[in-house]
Amino acid sequence: MAAGKEIRGKIKSVENTKKITKAMEMVAASKMRKAQDRMRAARPYSDKVRNIAANLGKANPEYTHAFMKVNDAKASGFIVVTTDKGLCGGMNTNVLRAVTNKLRDLQGEGQDSMAVAIGNKGLGFLNRVGAKVVSHVTQLGDTPHLDKLIGPVKVLLDAYAEGKVSAVYLCYTRFINTMKQEPVVEQLLPLSAAKLEAEAKASGNEHGWDYIYEPDAQAVIDDLLLRYVEALVYQAVAENMASEQSARMVAMKAATDNAGSVIGELKLVYNKTRQAAITKELSEIVSGAAAIGA
């Protein structure tokens, strides 16, 4: 029964793996609920700030912020948001594939690139492909904090304000529902005319807005656009965390189901092996008895 003992060992090993994946599934389900609540709470603020910034881009104030100016630099910036941990299906692979395609398109146009990595997986990928990583932040935990995010991102924003990059792209995974998350590569800076028109039509305000600034336009716009970038980066990280827990829960559920299937197949093989051994022993006993009787 050496083969049977080996199969029993395999069954025990897979059962232990199944317990781990089931526990990870339940933990991810618990964290997913909190991450979704945090993401949904941040959405109205980020949408409103985005709307106001879009209106500012269509207005003609006496002061134009550097984030609204179009640069002719031969480089682009990327803020790549990924997870710190794996075991969440193809989520990171999908967003990094989208980043790779965008990098390839820009390289075809003769553009260089620099990147800010948020998350271990994105940092490792960017280093492997030889991208220029100007700053990074990892180990964010389950709750994103602005004070950890803004410092690394500010390196890229300052480069745009100084005219060193022509555009800044925000790359993350947008949460749609528990079963679906989509990779997104959207332009953060500058405010593009097409995007502003689309947002104006979506809000039902196709005409331009203008504002009265107190104490002055420069102070208000500088502070507003800083909040604009903070809100979008925070929202991207919050969406990515909600997507991570959802993807991990689904992946661990699939792993648990697969472990159950493997255990069933191994038990069937074990029973067949055991039955064959019993049949062989019975045959030997019958043959021995027949030989003695003869």
C-alpha atoms as a PDB file:
ATOM      1  CA  MET A   1       0.000   0.000   0.000  1.00  0.00           C
ATOM      2  CA  ALA A   2       2.952   2.323  -0.643  1.00  0.00           C
ATOM      3  CA  ALA A   3       0.982   4.015  -3.430  1.00  0.00           C
ATOM      4  CA  GLY A   4      -2.063   4.352  -1.177  1.00  0.00           C
ATOM      5  CA  LYS A   5       0.011   5.983   1.553  1.00  0.00           C
ATOM      6  CA  GLU A   6       1.419   8.460  -0.959  1.00  0.00           C
ATOM      7  CA  ILE A   7      -2.092   9.347  -2.184  1.00  0.00           C
ATOM      8  CA  ARG A   8      -3.274   9.852   1.418  1.00  0.00           C
ATOM      9  CA  GLY A   9      -0.385  12.271   1.900  1.00  0.00           C
ATOM     10  CA  LYS A  10      -1.430  14.207  -1.210  1.00  0.00           C
ATOM     11  CA  ILE A  11      -5.043  14.357  -0.022  1.00  0.00           C
ATOM     12  CA  LYS A  12      -3.940  15.718   3.362  1.00  0.00           C
ATOM     13  CA  SER A  13      -1.744  18.325   1.672  1.00  0.00           C
ATOM     14  CA  VAL A  14      -4.546  19.539  -0.617  1.00  0.00           C
ATOM     15  CA  GLU A  15      -6.987  19.633   2.326  1.00  0.00           C
ATOM     16  CA  ASN A  16      -4.574  21.903   4.217  1.00  0.00           C
ATOM     17  CA  THR A  17      -4.279  24.141   1.148  1.00  0.00           C
ATOM     18  CA  LYS A  18      -8.072  24.259   0.888  1.00  0.00           C
ATOM     19  CA  LYS A  19      -8.330  25.451   4.496  1.00  0.00           C
ATOM     20  CA  ILE A  20      -5.857  28.258   3.779  1.00  0.00           C
ATOM     21  CA  THR A  21      -7.620  29.420   0.602  1.00  0.00           C
ATOM     22  CA  LYS A  22     -11.005  29.306   2.345  1.00  0.00           C
ATOM     23  CA  ALA A  23      -9.672  31.452   5.197  1.00  0.00           C
ATOM     24  CA  MET A  24      -8.140  33.919   2.706  1.00  0.00           C
ATOM     25  CA  GLU A  25     -11.456  34.088   0.842  1.00  0.00           C
ATOM     26  CA  MET A  26     -13.331  34.999   4.046  1.00  0.00           C
ATOM     27  CA  VAL A  27     -10.725  37.606   5.047  1.00  0.00           C
ATOM     28  CA  ALA A  28     -10.863  39.181   1.562  1.00  0.00           C
ATOM     29  CA  ALA A  29     -14.683  39.278   1.704  1.00  0.00           C
ATOM     30  CA  SER A  30     -14.533  41.148   5.015  1.00  0.00           C
ATOM     31  CA  LYS A  31     -11.916  43.624   3.769  1.00  0.00           C
ATOM     32  CA  MET A  32     -13.743  44.059   0.469  1.00  0.00           C
ATOM     33  CA  ARG A  33     -16.817  45.461   2.188  1.00  0.00           C
ATOM     34  CA  LYS A  34     -14.774  48.081   4.043  1.00  0.00           C
ATOM     35  CA  ALA A  35     -12.775  48.971   0.924  1.00  0.00           C
ATOM     36  CA  GLN A  36     -15.956  49.419  -1.117  1.00  0.00           C
ATOM     37  CA  ASP A  37     -17.481  51.695   1.524  1.00  0.00           C
ATOM     38  CA  ARG A  38     -14.287  53.798   1.592  1.00  0.00           C
ATOM     39  CA  MET A  39     -14.210  54.016  -2.196  1.00  0.00           C
ATOM     40  CA  ARG A  40     -17.880  55.007  -2.512  1.00  0.00           C
ATOM     41  CA  ALA A  41     -17.496  57.636   0.219  1.00  0.00           C
ATOM     42  CA  ALA A  42     -14.637  59.268  -1.703  1.00  0.00           C
ATOM     43  CA  ARG A  43     -16.359  59.257  -5.115  1.00  0.00           C
ATOM     44  CA  PRO A  44     -18.698  62.285  -4.691  1.00  0.00           C
ATOM     45  CA  TYR A  45     -15.840  64.540  -3.526  1.00  0.00           C
ATOM     46  CA  SER A  46     -13.492  63.495  -6.332  1.00  0.00           C
ATOM     47  CA  ASP A  47     -16.261  63.869  -8.934  1.00  0.00           C
ATOM     48  CA  LYS A  48     -17.109  67.376  -7.729  1.00  0.00           C
ATOM     49  CA  VAL A  49     -13.483  68.505  -7.659  1.00  0.00           C
ATOM     50  CA  ARG A  50     -13.005  67.047 -11.144  1.00  0.00           C
ATOM     51  CA  ASN A  51     -16.085  68.944 -12.337  1.00  0.00           C
ATOM     52  CA  ILE A  52     -14.908  72.271 -10.938  1.00  0.00           C
ATOM     53  CA  ALA A  53     -11.430  71.768 -12.371  1.00  0.00           C
ATOM     54  CA  ALA A  54     -12.993  71.001 -15.760  1.00  0.00           C
ATOM     55  CA  ASN A  55     -15.024  74.223 -15.603  1.00  0.00           C
ATOM     56  CA  LEU A  56     -11.876  76.153 -14.693  1.00  0.00           C
ATOM     57  CA  GLY A  57     -10.203  74.741 -17.767  1.00  0.00           C
ATOM     58  CA  LYS A  58     -12.988  76.132 -19.979  1.00  0.00           C
ATOM     59  CA  ALA A  59     -13.160  79.454 -18.176  1.00  0.00           C
ATOM     60  CA  ASN A  60     -10.766  82.309 -18.873  1.00  0.00           C
ATOM     61  CA  PRO A  61      -9.440  83.440 -15.504  1.00  0.00           C
ATOM     62  CA  GLU A  62      -6.770  86.078 -15.177  1.00  0.00           C
ATOM     63  CA  TYR A  63      -4.422  83.396 -13.859  1.00  0.00           C
ATOM     64  CA  THR A  64      -3.560  80.094 -15.586  1.00  0.00           C
ATOM     65  CA  HIS A  65      -2.050  77.353 -13.459  1.00  0.00           C
ATOM     66  CA  ALA A  66       0.893  75.305 -14.726  1.00  0.00           C
ATOM     67  CA  PHE A  67      -1.273  72.159 -14.645  1.00  0.00           C
ATOM     68  CA  MET A  68      -3.532  73.702 -17.309  1.00  0.00           C
ATOM     69  CA  LYS A  69      -0.713  74.568 -19.706  1.00  0.00           C
ATOM     70  CA  VAL A  70       0.285  72.205 -22.485  1.00  0.00           C
ATOM     71  CA  ASN A  71       3.996  71.329 -22.527  1.00  0.00           C
ATOM     72  CA  ASP A  72       6.034  70.294 -25.565  1.00  0.00           C
ATOM     73  CA  ALA A  73       8.455  68.080 -23.631  1.00  0.00           C
ATOM     74  CA  LYS A  74       9.635  64.780 -25.125  1.00  0.00           C
ATOM     75  CA  ALA A  75       8.668  62.756 -22.057  1.00  0.00           C
ATOM     76  CA  SER A  76       5.515  61.514 -20.334  1.00  0.00           C
ATOM     77  CA  GLY A  77       4.838  60.610 -16.725  1.00  0.00           C
ATOM     78  CA  PHE A  78       2.954  57.610 -15.343  1.00  0.00           C
ATOM     79  CA  ILE A  79       1.451  57.068 -11.902  1.00  0.00           C
ATOM     80  CA  VAL A  80       1.071  53.273 -11.760  1.00  0.00           C
ATOM     81  CA  VAL A  81      -1.186  51.967  -8.983  1.00  0.00           C
ATOM     82  CA  THR A  82      -0.956  48.236  -8.224  1.00  0.00           C
ATOM     83  CA  THR A  83      -1.183  45.981  -5.184  1.00  0.00           C
ATOM     84  CA  ASP A  84       1.511  45.128  -2.652  1.00  0.00           C
ATOM     85  CA  LYS A  85       0.484  41.465  -2.505  1.00  0.00           C
ATOM     86  CA  GLY A  86      -0.410  38.860  -5.094  1.00  0.00           C
ATOM     87  CA  LEU A  87      -3.046  36.099  -5.168  1.00  0.00           C
ATOM     88  CA  CYS A  88      -5.635  38.416  -6.748  1.00  0.00           C
ATOM     89  CA  GLY A  89      -6.083  36.810 -10.153  1.00  0.00           C
ATOM     90  CA  GLY A  90      -5.089  38.722 -13.293  1.00  0.00           C
ATOM     91  CA  MET A  91      -5.824  42.171 -11.867  1.00  0.00           C
ATOM     92  CA  ASN A  92      -2.230  43.453 -11.796  1.00  0.00           C
ATOM     93  CA  THR A  93      -1.399  41.726 -15.067  1.00  0.00           C
ATOM     94  CA  ASN A  94      -4.252  43.521 -16.860  1.00  0.00           C
ATOM     95  CA  VAL A  95      -3.347  47.036 -15.698  1.00  0.00           C
ATOM     96  CA  LEU A  96       0.375  46.477 -16.330  1.00  0.00           C
ATOM     97  CA  ARG A  97      -0.434  45.216 -19.829  1.00  0.00           C
ATOM     98  CA  ALA A  98      -2.352  48.445 -20.460  1.00  0.00           C
ATOM     99  CA  VAL A  99       0.624  50.459 -19.168  1.00  0.00           C
ATOM    100  CA  THR A 100       2.975  48.499 -21.438  1.00  0.00           C
ATOM    101  CA  ASN A 101       0.803  49.222 -24.490  1.00  0.00           C
ATOM    102  CA  LYS A 102       0.728  52.942 -23.664  1.00  0.00           C
ATOM    103  CA  LEU A 103       4.502  53.011 -23.146  1.00  0.00           C
ATOM    104  CA  ARG A 104       5.002  51.278 -26.491  1.00  0.00           C
ATOM    105  CA  ASP A 105       2.753  53.818 -28.263  1.00  0.00           C
ATOM    106  CA  LEU A 106       4.624  56.757 -26.738  1.00  0.00           C
ATOM    107  CA  GLN A 107       7.995  55.234 -27.582  1.00  0.00           C
ATOM    108  CA  GLY A 108       6.807  54.927 -31.168  1.00  0.00           C
ATOM    109  CA  GLU A 109       6.205  58.701 -31.103  1.00  0.00           C
ATOM    110  CA  GLY A 110       9.720  59.311 -29.787  1.00  0.00           C
ATOM    111  CA  GLN A 111       8.616  60.013 -26.203  1.00  0.00           C
ATOM    112  CA  ASP A 112      10.593  59.027 -23.131  1.00  0.00           C
ATOM    113  CA  SER A 113       8.819  58.101 -19.910  1.00  0.00           C
ATOM    114  CA  MET A 114       9.199  58.351 -16.150  1.00  0.00           C
ATOM    115  CA  ALA A 115       7.009  56.690 -13.570  1.00  0.00           C
ATOM    116  CA  VAL A 116       5.827  56.771  -9.976  1.00  0.00           C
ATOM    117  CA  ALA A 117       5.054  53.302  -8.613  1.00  0.00           C
ATOM    118  CA  ILE A 118       2.360  52.849  -5.963  1.00  0.00           C
ATOM    119  CA  GLY A 119       2.483  49.206  -4.844  1.00  0.00           C
ATOM    120  CA  ASN A 120       5.125  46.467  -4.873  1.00  0.00           C
ATOM    121  CA  LYS A 121       3.878  44.692  -7.992  1.00  0.00           C
ATOM    122  CA  GLY A 122       4.055  47.794 -10.172  1.00  0.00           C
ATOM    123  CA  LEU A 123       7.474  48.739  -8.796  1.00  0.00           C
ATOM    124  CA  GLY A 124       8.872  45.300  -9.584  1.00  0.00           C
ATOM    125  CA  PHE A 125       7.400  45.358 -13.099  1.00  0.00           C
ATOM    126  CA  LEU A 126       8.711  48.845 -13.934  1.00  0.00           C
ATOM    127  CA  ASN A 127      12.187  47.879 -12.746  1.00  0.00           C
ATOM    128  CA  ARG A 128      12.113  44.718 -14.869  1.00  0.00           C
ATOM    129  CA  VAL A 129      11.136  46.556 -18.073  1.00  0.00           C
ATOM    130  CA  GLY A 130      13.785  49.220 -17.448  1.00  0.00           C
ATOM    131  CA  ALA A 131      11.407  52.158 -16.939  1.00  0.00           C
ATOM    132  CA  LYS A 132      12.713  55.237 -15.133  1.00  0.00           C
ATOM    133  CA  VAL A 133      11.131  55.140 -11.649  1.00  0.00           C
ATOM    134  CA  VAL A 134      11.505  58.591 -10.064  1.00  0.00           C
ATOM    135  CA  SER A 135       9.743  57.679  -6.789  1.00  0.00           C
ATOM    136  CA  HIS A 136       7.658  54.941  -5.258  1.00  0.00           C
ATOM    137  CA  VAL A 137       5.540  54.059  -2.227  1.00  0.00           C
ATOM    138  CA  THR A 138       4.760  50.547  -0.994  1.00  0.00           C
ATOM    139  CA  GLN A 139       3.191  48.827   2.013  1.00  0.00           C
ATOM    140  CA  LEU A 140       0.137  51.100   2.163  1.00  0.00           C
ATOM    141  CA  GLY A 141      -1.833  48.568   4.188  1.00  0.00           C
ATOM    142  CA  ASP A 142      -5.596  48.268   3.916  1.00  0.00           C
ATOM    143  CA  THR A 143      -6.297  52.008   4.277  1.00  0.00           C
ATOM    144  CA  PRO A 144      -4.725  54.610   1.933  1.00  0.00           C
ATOM    145  CA  HIS A 145      -3.356  57.790   3.547  1.00  0.00           C
ATOM    146  CA  LEU A 146      -2.861  60.982   1.579  1.00  0.00           C
ATOM    147  CA  ASP A 147       0.305  61.935   3.434  1.00  0.00           C
ATOM    148  CA  LYS A 148       1.975  58.761   2.110  1.00  0.00           C
ATOM    149  CA  LEU A 149       0.720  59.252  -1.446  1.00  0.00           C
ATOM    150  CA  ILE A 150       1.261  62.941  -2.168  1.00  0.00           C
ATOM    151  CA  GLY A 151       5.018  63.000  -1.478  1.00  0.00           C
ATOM    152  CA  PRO A 152       6.017  60.487  -4.193  1.00  0.00           C
ATOM    153  CA  VAL A 153       3.428  61.830  -6.660  1.00  0.00           C
ATOM    154  CA  LYS A 154       4.658  65.413  -6.130  1.00  0.00           C
ATOM    155  CA  VAL A 155       7.939  64.502  -7.853  1.00  0.00           C
ATOM    156  CA  LEU A 156       6.050  63.922 -11.103  1.00  0.00           C
ATOM    157  CA  LEU A 157       3.758  66.933 -10.635  1.00  0.00           C
ATOM    158  CA  ASP A 158       6.752  69.217 -10.107  1.00  0.00           C
ATOM    159  CA  ALA A 159       8.352  67.809 -13.262  1.00  0.00           C
ATOM    160  CA  TYR A 160       5.176  68.696 -15.186  1.00  0.00           C
ATOM    161  CA  ALA A 161       5.032  72.196 -13.687  1.00  0.00           C
ATOM    162  CA  GLU A 162       8.659  72.714 -14.760  1.00  0.00           C
ATOM    163  CA  GLY A 163       7.857  71.619 -18.318  1.00  0.00           C
ATOM    164  CA  LYS A 164       9.901  68.390 -18.200  1.00  0.00           C
ATOM    165  CA  VAL A 165       6.962  66.127 -19.119  1.00  0.00           C
ATOM    166  CA  SER A 166       4.192  66.725 -21.636  1.00  0.00           C
ATOM    167  CA  ALA A 167       1.492  64.664 -19.889  1.00  0.00           C
ATOM    168  CA  VAL A 168       0.834  62.688 -16.718  1.00  0.00           C
ATOM    169  CA  TYR A 169      -1.211  59.466 -16.881  1.00  0.00           C
ATOM    170  CA  LEU A 170      -2.936  57.767 -13.957  1.00  0.00           C
ATOM    171  CA  CYS A 171      -3.026  53.957 -14.264  1.00  0.00           C
ATOM    172  CA  TYR A 172      -5.120  51.827 -11.907  1.00  0.00           C
ATOM    173  CA  THR A 173      -7.912  49.240 -11.758  1.00  0.00           C
ATOM    174  CA  ARG A 174     -11.420  50.689 -11.572  1.00  0.00           C
ATOM    175  CA  PHE A 175     -13.985  48.845  -9.461  1.00  0.00           C
ATOM    176  CA  ILE A 176     -17.165  48.002 -11.405  1.00  0.00           C
ATOM    177  CA  ASN A 177     -18.646  45.277  -9.224  1.00  0.00           C
ATOM    178  CA  THR A 178     -17.488  42.265  -7.247  1.00  0.00           C
ATOM    179  CA  MET A 179     -17.012  40.145 -10.362  1.00  0.00           C
ATOM    180  CA  LYS A 180     -15.681  42.824 -12.722  1.00  0.00           C
ATOM    181  CA  GLN A 181     -12.806  45.283 -12.495  1.00  0.00           C
ATOM    182  CA  GLU A 182     -11.326  47.107 -15.482  1.00  0.00           C
ATOM    183  CA  PRO A 183      -7.811  48.519 -16.028  1.00  0.00           C
ATOM    184  CA  VAL A 184      -7.733  52.267 -16.669  1.00  0.00           C
ATOM    185  CA  VAL A 185      -5.032  54.512 -18.151  1.00  0.00           C
ATOM    186  CA  GLU A 186      -6.411  58.056 -18.030  1.00  0.00           C
ATOM    187  CA  GLN A 187      -4.791  61.430 -18.553  1.00  0.00           C
ATOM    188  CA  LEU A 188      -4.398  63.350 -15.311  1.00  0.00           C
ATOM    189  CA  LEU A 189      -2.519  66.381 -16.629  1.00  0.00           C
ATOM    190  CA  PRO A 190      -3.063  68.584 -18.524  1.00  0.00           C
ATOM    191  CA  LEU A 191      -6.835  68.975 -18.626  1.00  0.00           C
ATOM    192  CA  SER A 192      -7.601  67.914 -22.202  1.00  0.00           C
ATOM    193  CA  ALA A 193     -10.247  69.783 -24.202  1.00  0.00           C
ATOM    194  CA  ALA A 194     -12.013  66.568 -25.263  1.00  0.00           C
ATOM    195  CA  LYS A 195     -12.271  65.380 -21.671  1.00  0.00           C
ATOM    196  CA  LEU A 196     -13.587  68.745 -20.488  1.00  0.00           C
ATOM    197  CA  GLU A 197     -16.280  68.777 -23.165  1.00  0.00           C
ATOM    198  CA  ALA A 198     -17.326  65.222 -22.318  1.00  0.00           C
ATOM    199  CA  GLU A 199     -17.583  66.061 -18.603  1.00  0.00           C
ATOM    200  CA  ALA A 200     -19.519  69.237 -19.341  1.00  0.00           C
ATOM    201  CA  LYS A 201     -22.044  67.306 -21.462  1.00  0.00           C
ATOM    202  CA  ALA A 202     -22.321  64.574 -18.827  1.00  0.00           C
ATOM    203  CA  SER A 203     -23.159  67.150 -16.157  1.00  0.00           C
ATOM    204  CA  GLY A 204     -25.628  68.933 -18.441  1.00  0.00           C
ATOM    205  CA  ASN A 205     -23.576  72.138 -18.510  1.00  0.00           C
ATOM    206  CA  GLU A 206     -22.292  72.607 -22.018  1.00  0.00           C
ATOM    207  CA  HIS A 207     -21.705  76.334 -21.488  1.00  0.00           C
ATOM    208  CA  GLY A 208     -18.586  77.624 -19.780  1.00  0.00           C
ATOM    209  CA  TRP A 209     -18.466  78.645 -16.138  1.00  0.00           C
ATOM    210  CA  ASP A 210     -16.514  81.498 -14.622  1.00  0.00           C
ATOM    211  CA  TYR A 211     -15.924  82.294 -10.974  1.00  0.00           C
ATOM    212  CA  ILE A 212     -15.304  85.167  -8.601  1.00  0.00           C
ATOM    213  CA  TYR A 213     -12.084  84.520  -6.696  1.00  0.00           C
ATOM    214  CA  GLU A 214     -11.341  85.577  -3.130  1.00  0.00           C
ATOM    215  CA  PRO A 215      -8.755  86.524  -2.014  1.00  0.00           C
ATOM    216  CA  ASP A 216      -7.335  86.164  -5.563  1.00  0.00           C
ATOM    217  CA  ALA A 217      -7.407  83.749  -8.501  1.00  0.00           C
ATOM    218  CA  GLN A 218      -3.876  82.437  -7.977  1.00  0.00           C
ATOM    219  CA  ALA A 219      -4.402  81.375  -4.348  1.00  0.00           C
ATOM    220  CA  VAL A 220      -7.756  79.713  -5.072  1.00  0.00           C
ATOM    221  CA  ILE A 221      -6.690  77.904  -8.254  1.00  0.00           C
ATOM    222  CA  ASP A 222      -3.377  76.711  -6.781  1.00  0.00           C
ATOM    223  CA  ASP A 223      -5.157  75.197  -3.797  1.00  0.00           C
ATOM    224  CA  LEU A 224      -8.016  73.783  -5.875  1.00  0.00           C
ATOM    225  CA  LEU A 225      -5.789  72.035  -8.393  1.00  0.00           C
ATOM    226  CA  LEU A 226      -3.689  70.563  -5.602  1.00  0.00           C
ATOM    227  CA  ARG A 227      -6.906  69.164  -4.099  1.00  0.00           C
ATOM    228  CA  TYR A 228      -7.899  67.997  -7.587  1.00  0.00           C
ATOM    229  CA  VAL A 229      -4.755  65.898  -7.974  1.00  0.00           C
ATOM    230  CA  GLU A 230      -4.952  64.636  -4.381  1.00  0.00           C
ATOM    231  CA  ALA A 231      -8.581  63.596  -4.847  1.00  0.00           C
ATOM    232  CA  LEU A 232      -7.937  61.740  -8.096  1.00  0.00           C
ATOM    233  CA  VAL A 233      -4.856  59.910  -6.812  1.00  0.00           C
ATOM    234  CA  TYR A 234      -6.599  58.959  -3.557  1.00  0.00           C
ATOM    235  CA  GLN A 235      -9.689  57.818  -5.463  1.00  0.00           C
ATOM    236  CA  ALA A 236      -7.541  55.713  -7.811  1.00  0.00           C
ATOM    237  CA  VAL A 237      -5.834  54.010  -4.854  1.00  0.00           C
ATOM    238  CA  ALA A 238      -9.192  53.456  -3.102  1.00  0.00           C
ATOM    239  CA  GLU A 239     -10.682  51.952  -6.289  1.00  0.00           C
ATOM    240  CA  ASN A 240      -7.607  49.767  -6.708  1.00  0.00           C
ATOM    241  CA  MET A 241      -7.871  48.477  -3.115  1.00  0.00           C
ATOM    242  CA  ALA A 242     -11.560  47.637  -3.536  1.00  0.00           C
ATOM    243  CA  SER A 243     -10.732  45.857  -6.800  1.00  0.00           C
ATOM    244  CA  GLU A 244      -7.866  43.991  -5.094  1.00  0.00           C
ATOM    245  CA  GLN A 245     -10.042  42.537  -2.326  1.00  0.00           C
ATOM    246  CA  SER A 246     -12.811  41.606  -4.784  1.00  0.00           C
ATOM    247  CA  ALA A 247     -10.357  39.927  -7.157  1.00  0.00           C
ATOM    248  CA  ARG A 248      -8.654  38.106  -4.277  1.00  0.00           C
ATOM    249  CA  MET A 249     -11.984  36.855  -2.915  1.00  0.00           C
ATOM    250  CA  VAL A 250     -12.983  35.499  -6.335  1.00  0.00           C
ATOM    251  CA  ALA A 251      -9.539  33.964  -6.917  1.00  0.00           C
ATOM    252  CA  MET A 252      -9.492  32.273  -3.497  1.00  0.00           C
ATOM    253  CA  LYS A 253     -13.037  30.949  -4.009  1.00  0.00           C
ATOM    254  CA  ALA A 254     -11.942  29.442  -7.328  1.00  0.00           C
ATOM    255  CA  ALA A 255      -8.851  27.967  -5.632  1.00  0.00           C
ATOM    256  CA  THR A 256     -11.012  26.469  -2.861  1.00  0.00           C
ATOM    257  CA  ASP A 257     -13.387  24.941  -5.411  1.00  0.00           C
ATOM    258  CA  ASN A 258     -10.477  23.535  -7.412  1.00  0.00           C
ATOM    259  CA  ALA A 259      -8.950  22.045  -4.248  1.00  0.00           C
ATOM    260  CA  GLY A 260     -12.259  20.311  -3.541  1.00  0.00           C
ATOM    261  CA  SER A 261     -12.262  18.866  -7.064  1.00  0.00           C
ATOM    262  CA  VAL A 262      -8.667  17.636  -6.699  1.00  0.00           C
ATOM    263  CA  ILE A 263      -9.486  16.015  -3.342  1.00  0.00           C
ATOM    264  CA  GLY A 264     -12.441  14.224  -4.922  1.00  0.00           C
ATOM    265  CA  GLU A 265     -10.275  12.902  -7.766  1.00  0.00           C
ATOM    266  CA  LEU A 266      -7.515  11.786  -5.378  1.00  0.00           C
ATOM    267  CA  LYS A 267     -10.012   9.968  -3.150  1.00  0.00           C
ATOM    268  CA  LEU A 268     -11.370   8.156  -6.208  1.00  0.00           C
ATOM    269  CA  VAL A 269      -7.847   7.097  -7.212  1.00  0.00           C
ATOM    270  CA  TYR A 270      -7.111   6.045  -3.624  1.00  0.00           C
ATOM    271  CA  ASN A 271     -10.263   3.927  -3.422  1.00  0.00           C
ATOM    272  CA  LYS A 272      -9.440   2.259  -6.755  1.00  0.00           C
ATOM    273  CA  THR A 273      -5.873   1.563  -5.616  1.00  0.00           C
ATOM    274  CA  ARG A 274      -7.103   0.181  -2.292  1.00  0.00           C
ATOM    275  CA  GLN A 275      -9.694  -1.997  -4.014  1.00  0.00           C
ATOM    276  CA  ALA A 276      -7.060  -3.321  -6.413  1.00  0.00           C
ATOM    277  CA  ALA A 277      -4.793  -4.207  -3.475  1.00  0.00           C
ATOM    278  CA  ILE A 278      -7.627  -6.001  -1.679  1.00  0.00           C
ATOM    279  CA  THR A 279      -8.542  -7.909  -4.841  1.00  0.00           C
ATOM    280  CA  LYS A 280      -4.908  -8.926  -5.318  1.00  0.00           C
ATOM    281  CA  GLU A 281      -4.651 -10.191  -1.723  1.00  0.00           C
ATOM    282  CA  LEU A 282      -7.872 -12.168  -2.100  1.00  0.00           C
ATOM    283  CA  SER A 283      -6.602 -13.690  -5.338  1.00  0.00           C
ATOM    284  CA  GLU A 284      -3.369 -14.723  -3.615  1.00  0.00           C
ATOM    285  CA  ILE A 285      -5.291 -16.305  -0.709  1.00  0.00           C
ATOM    286  CA  VAL A 286      -7.574 -18.224  -3.085  1.00  0.00           C
ATOM    287  CA  SER A 287      -4.623 -19.358  -5.181  1.00  0.00           C
ATOM    288  CA  GLY A 288      -2.755 -20.509  -2.051  1.00  0.00           C
ATOM    289  CA  ALA A 289      -5.761 -22.391  -0.757  1.00  0.00           C
ATOM    290  CA  ALA A 290      -6.234 -24.051  -4.132  1.00  0.00           C
ATOM    291  CA  ALA A 291      -2.592 -25.096  -4.225  1.00  0.00           C
ATOM    292  CA  ILE A 292      -2.754 -26.649  -0.719  1.00  0.00           C
ATOM    293  CA  GLY A 293      -5.976 -28.470  -1.597  1.00  0.00           C
ATOM    294  CA  ALA A 294      -4.392 -29.869  -4.710  1.00  0.00           C
END
